[in-house]
Amino acid sequence: MLLQADARRRITLPPTLGIQPGDAIDLEILEDGRIMLIPVEPVPKHQMWAWTAESKQAITASLADPRPSRKIETPEQAAALAKRWAGEG
């Protein structure tokens, strides 16, 4: 696909790519001079803790855990579980 930059060095991407106005795109220039556009989803700073390598590993491990899930339905059940996790119960 051949694109031509306008006077302001902008290019127009075809709608078939699925990129919408306002989408965030990471631009990477490769060693050989090629340009790669990568659609990204920005993460708010207050959620960055979930994107550390340790957190991702813990999430992956929890998803692979074969033990059955527990359904917490009352505040008392939540408090008892929190105590157990804290080593108090």
N, C-alpha and C. Protein backbone atom coordinates (compact mmCIF):
# COMPACT_ATOMS: atom_id res chain seq x y z
N MET A 1 0.85 -1.16 0.00
CA MET A 1 0.00 0.00 0.00
C MET A 1 0.91 1.23 0.00
N LEU A 2 0.69 2.09 -0.94
CA LEU A 2 1.49 3.31 -1.06
C LEU A 2 0.69 4.48 -0.50
N LEU A 3 1.29 5.21 0.43
CA LEU A 3 0.68 6.40 1.02
C LEU A 3 1.59 7.58 0.74
N GLN A 4 1.00 8.76 0.64
CA GLN A 4 1.79 9.95 0.39
C GLN A 4 1.50 10.97 1.50
N ALA A 5 2.57 11.53 2.06
CA ALA A 5 2.42 12.53 3.12
C ALA A 5 1.96 13.85 2.52
N ASP A 6 1.14 14.58 3.31
CA ASP A 6 0.71 15.89 2.84
C ASP A 6 1.74 16.95 3.26
N ALA A 7 1.41 18.23 3.08
CA ALA A 7 2.35 19.32 3.37
C ALA A 7 2.75 19.35 4.84
N ARG A 8 1.91 18.82 5.72
CA ARG A 8 2.22 18.80 7.16
C ARG A 8 2.82 17.47 7.60
N ARG A 9 3.27 16.65 6.65
CA ARG A 9 3.88 15.34 6.89
C ARG A 9 2.90 14.34 7.48
N ARG A 10 1.62 14.48 7.20
CA ARG A 10 0.60 13.56 7.69
C ARG A 10 0.26 12.55 6.60
N ILE A 11 -0.15 11.37 7.03
CA ILE A 11 -0.65 10.36 6.09
C ILE A 11 -2.05 9.99 6.55
N THR A 12 -2.84 9.49 5.65
CA THR A 12 -4.19 9.03 5.97
C THR A 12 -4.21 7.52 5.87
N LEU A 13 -4.61 6.87 6.97
CA LEU A 13 -4.69 5.41 6.98
C LEU A 13 -6.07 4.99 6.50
N PRO A 14 -6.13 3.93 5.72
CA PRO A 14 -7.43 3.50 5.21
C PRO A 14 -8.33 2.99 6.35
N PRO A 15 -9.64 3.19 6.23
CA PRO A 15 -10.56 2.76 7.29
C PRO A 15 -10.56 1.25 7.52
N THR A 16 -10.10 0.48 6.56
CA THR A 16 -10.09 -0.98 6.72
C THR A 16 -9.13 -1.44 7.82
N LEU A 17 -8.24 -0.57 8.27
CA LEU A 17 -7.30 -0.94 9.34
C LEU A 17 -7.98 -0.95 10.71
N GLY A 18 -9.15 -0.32 10.81
CA GLY A 18 -9.88 -0.32 12.07
C GLY A 18 -9.41 0.71 13.07
N ILE A 19 -8.52 1.59 12.69
CA ILE A 19 -8.04 2.64 13.60
C ILE A 19 -9.01 3.81 13.51
N GLN A 20 -9.48 4.22 14.70
CA GLN A 20 -10.48 5.29 14.78
C GLN A 20 -9.83 6.59 15.23
N PRO A 21 -10.44 7.73 14.92
CA PRO A 21 -9.92 9.01 15.42
C PRO A 21 -9.82 8.97 16.95
N GLY A 22 -8.67 9.40 17.46
CA GLY A 22 -8.44 9.40 18.90
C GLY A 22 -7.74 8.16 19.41
N ASP A 23 -7.62 7.10 18.59
CA ASP A 23 -6.90 5.91 19.03
C ASP A 23 -5.43 6.24 19.26
N ALA A 24 -4.83 5.60 20.27
CA ALA A 24 -3.41 5.79 20.56
C ALA A 24 -2.61 4.81 19.71
N ILE A 25 -1.53 5.31 19.11
CA ILE A 25 -0.68 4.49 18.26
C ILE A 25 0.77 4.75 18.62
N ASP A 26 1.52 3.69 18.85
CA ASP A 26 2.95 3.79 19.12
C ASP A 26 3.68 3.72 17.79
N LEU A 27 4.59 4.64 17.55
CA LEU A 27 5.37 4.66 16.32
C LEU A 27 6.78 4.20 16.66
N GLU A 28 7.23 3.17 15.97
CA GLU A 28 8.56 2.63 16.20
C GLU A 28 9.34 2.67 14.90
N ILE A 29 10.53 3.23 14.95
CA ILE A 29 11.41 3.26 13.77
C ILE A 29 12.43 2.15 13.93
N LEU A 30 12.40 1.20 13.02
CA LEU A 30 13.29 0.05 13.08
C LEU A 30 14.68 0.42 12.58
N GLU A 31 15.67 -0.42 12.90
CA GLU A 31 17.05 -0.13 12.52
C GLU A 31 17.24 0.03 11.02
N ASP A 32 16.43 -0.67 10.24
CA ASP A 32 16.58 -0.60 8.79
C ASP A 32 15.79 0.57 8.18
N GLY A 33 15.20 1.43 9.04
CA GLY A 33 14.50 2.61 8.55
C GLY A 33 13.01 2.43 8.37
N ARG A 34 12.52 1.20 8.49
CA ARG A 34 11.08 0.99 8.38
C ARG A 34 10.38 1.58 9.59
N ILE A 35 9.14 1.97 9.38
CA ILE A 35 8.33 2.54 10.46
C ILE A 35 7.20 1.57 10.76
N MET A 36 7.05 1.26 12.06
CA MET A 36 5.99 0.35 12.48
C MET A 36 5.01 1.13 13.35
N LEU A 37 3.72 1.04 13.02
CA LEU A 37 2.66 1.66 13.81
C LEU A 37 1.97 0.56 14.61
N ILE A 38 1.91 0.74 15.94
CA ILE A 38 1.36 -0.28 16.81
C ILE A 38 0.21 0.32 17.61
N PRO A 39 -1.04 -0.12 17.38
CA PRO A 39 -2.15 0.38 18.19
C PRO A 39 -1.93 -0.03 19.66
N VAL A 40 -2.13 0.90 20.57
CA VAL A 40 -1.94 0.62 22.00
C VAL A 40 -3.15 1.11 22.78
N GLU A 41 -3.30 0.57 23.95
CA GLU A 41 -4.35 1.01 24.86
C GLU A 41 -3.64 1.63 26.06
N PRO A 42 -3.71 2.94 26.21
CA PRO A 42 -3.00 3.58 27.33
C PRO A 42 -3.57 3.10 28.66
N VAL A 43 -2.68 2.97 29.65
CA VAL A 43 -3.08 2.53 30.98
C VAL A 43 -2.94 3.72 31.93
N PRO A 44 -4.02 4.07 32.66
CA PRO A 44 -3.92 5.16 33.63
C PRO A 44 -2.85 4.87 34.68
N LYS A 45 -2.16 5.90 35.16
CA LYS A 45 -1.06 5.72 36.12
C LYS A 45 -1.50 4.95 37.36
N HIS A 46 -2.73 5.20 37.84
CA HIS A 46 -3.16 4.53 39.06
C HIS A 46 -3.40 3.03 38.86
N GLN A 47 -3.34 2.56 37.60
CA GLN A 47 -3.50 1.13 37.33
C GLN A 47 -2.20 0.47 36.89
N MET A 48 -1.11 1.23 36.88
CA MET A 48 0.17 0.69 36.40
C MET A 48 0.69 -0.47 37.26
N TRP A 49 0.29 -0.52 38.55
CA TRP A 49 0.74 -1.61 39.41
C TRP A 49 0.38 -2.97 38.83
N ALA A 50 -0.73 -3.03 38.11
CA ALA A 50 -1.19 -4.31 37.56
C ALA A 50 -0.40 -4.74 36.34
N TRP A 51 0.44 -3.86 35.82
CA TRP A 51 1.16 -4.16 34.59
C TRP A 51 2.63 -4.45 34.83
N THR A 52 3.04 -4.64 36.09
CA THR A 52 4.42 -5.03 36.36
C THR A 52 4.59 -6.51 36.01
N ALA A 53 5.81 -6.94 35.79
CA ALA A 53 6.06 -8.34 35.45
C ALA A 53 5.58 -9.26 36.57
N GLU A 54 5.79 -8.84 37.83
CA GLU A 54 5.37 -9.66 38.96
C GLU A 54 3.85 -9.82 39.01
N SER A 55 3.13 -8.71 38.78
CA SER A 55 1.67 -8.78 38.81
C SER A 55 1.13 -9.63 37.67
N LYS A 56 1.70 -9.47 36.49
CA LYS A 56 1.25 -10.28 35.35
C LYS A 56 1.48 -11.77 35.64
N GLN A 57 2.63 -12.09 36.25
CA GLN A 57 2.93 -13.48 36.57
C GLN A 57 1.95 -14.02 37.61
N ALA A 58 1.63 -13.21 38.61
CA ALA A 58 0.68 -13.65 39.64
C ALA A 58 -0.71 -13.85 39.06
N ILE A 59 -1.12 -12.96 38.16
CA ILE A 59 -2.44 -13.09 37.52
C ILE A 59 -2.50 -14.35 36.66
N THR A 60 -1.44 -14.58 35.89
CA THR A 60 -1.38 -15.78 35.05
C THR A 60 -1.45 -17.04 35.90
N ALA A 61 -0.70 -17.04 37.01
CA ALA A 61 -0.71 -18.21 37.90
C ALA A 61 -2.09 -18.41 38.52
N SER A 62 -2.75 -17.32 38.90
CA SER A 62 -4.08 -17.47 39.52
C SER A 62 -5.10 -17.99 38.52
N LEU A 63 -4.97 -17.61 37.26
CA LEU A 63 -5.91 -18.09 36.25
C LEU A 63 -5.71 -19.57 35.95
N ALA A 64 -4.48 -20.06 36.18
CA ALA A 64 -4.19 -21.47 35.93
C ALA A 64 -4.43 -22.34 37.17
N ASP A 65 -4.79 -21.73 38.29
CA ASP A 65 -5.01 -22.45 39.55
C ASP A 65 -6.22 -23.37 39.41
N PRO A 66 -6.04 -24.68 39.62
CA PRO A 66 -7.16 -25.62 39.42
C PRO A 66 -8.16 -25.65 40.59
N ARG A 67 -7.81 -25.00 41.70
CA ARG A 67 -8.73 -25.04 42.85
C ARG A 67 -10.02 -24.29 42.52
N PRO A 68 -11.15 -24.75 43.09
CA PRO A 68 -12.42 -24.08 42.80
C PRO A 68 -12.45 -22.68 43.42
N SER A 69 -13.16 -21.80 42.78
CA SER A 69 -13.32 -20.44 43.29
C SER A 69 -14.30 -20.44 44.45
N ARG A 70 -14.18 -19.41 45.29
CA ARG A 70 -15.13 -19.23 46.39
C ARG A 70 -16.02 -18.05 46.06
N LYS A 71 -17.27 -18.19 46.38
CA LYS A 71 -18.20 -17.09 46.16
C LYS A 71 -18.47 -16.43 47.52
N ILE A 72 -18.09 -15.17 47.63
CA ILE A 72 -18.27 -14.42 48.87
C ILE A 72 -19.56 -13.62 48.73
N GLU A 73 -20.52 -13.90 49.62
CA GLU A 73 -21.83 -13.28 49.49
C GLU A 73 -22.16 -12.31 50.62
N THR A 74 -21.43 -12.38 51.72
CA THR A 74 -21.74 -11.50 52.84
C THR A 74 -20.49 -10.78 53.32
N PRO A 75 -20.67 -9.65 54.00
CA PRO A 75 -19.50 -8.95 54.57
C PRO A 75 -18.76 -9.82 55.59
N GLU A 76 -19.47 -10.67 56.29
CA GLU A 76 -18.84 -11.54 57.28
C GLU A 76 -17.90 -12.55 56.60
N GLN A 77 -18.35 -13.09 55.47
CA GLN A 77 -17.50 -14.02 54.73
C GLN A 77 -16.25 -13.30 54.21
N ALA A 78 -16.42 -12.07 53.74
CA ALA A 78 -15.28 -11.30 53.25
C ALA A 78 -14.30 -11.01 54.38
N ALA A 79 -14.81 -10.65 55.55
CA ALA A 79 -13.93 -10.37 56.70
C ALA A 79 -13.17 -11.62 57.13
N ALA A 80 -13.86 -12.78 57.14
CA ALA A 80 -13.20 -14.03 57.53
C ALA A 80 -12.09 -14.39 56.54
N LEU A 81 -12.35 -14.21 55.27
CA LEU A 81 -11.35 -14.51 54.25
C LEU A 81 -10.17 -13.55 54.36
N ALA A 82 -10.44 -12.27 54.61
CA ALA A 82 -9.37 -11.29 54.76
C ALA A 82 -8.49 -11.63 55.96
N LYS A 83 -9.11 -12.08 57.06
CA LYS A 83 -8.33 -12.49 58.24
C LYS A 83 -7.44 -13.69 57.91
N ARG A 84 -8.01 -14.63 57.15
CA ARG A 84 -7.22 -15.83 56.80
C ARG A 84 -6.02 -15.43 55.93
N TRP A 85 -6.25 -14.53 54.96
CA TRP A 85 -5.15 -14.07 54.10
C TRP A 85 -4.09 -13.32 54.90
N ALA A 86 -4.52 -12.59 55.92
CA ALA A 86 -3.59 -11.84 56.75
C ALA A 86 -2.90 -12.72 57.78
N GLY A 87 -3.28 -13.99 57.84
CA GLY A 87 -2.68 -14.91 58.80
C GLY A 87 -3.23 -14.77 60.20
N GLU A 88 -4.40 -14.17 60.32
CA GLU A 88 -5.00 -13.93 61.63
C GLU A 88 -6.08 -14.94 61.97
N GLY A 89 -6.43 -15.79 61.03
CA GLY A 89 -7.57 -16.67 61.29
C GLY A 89 -7.34 -18.08 60.92
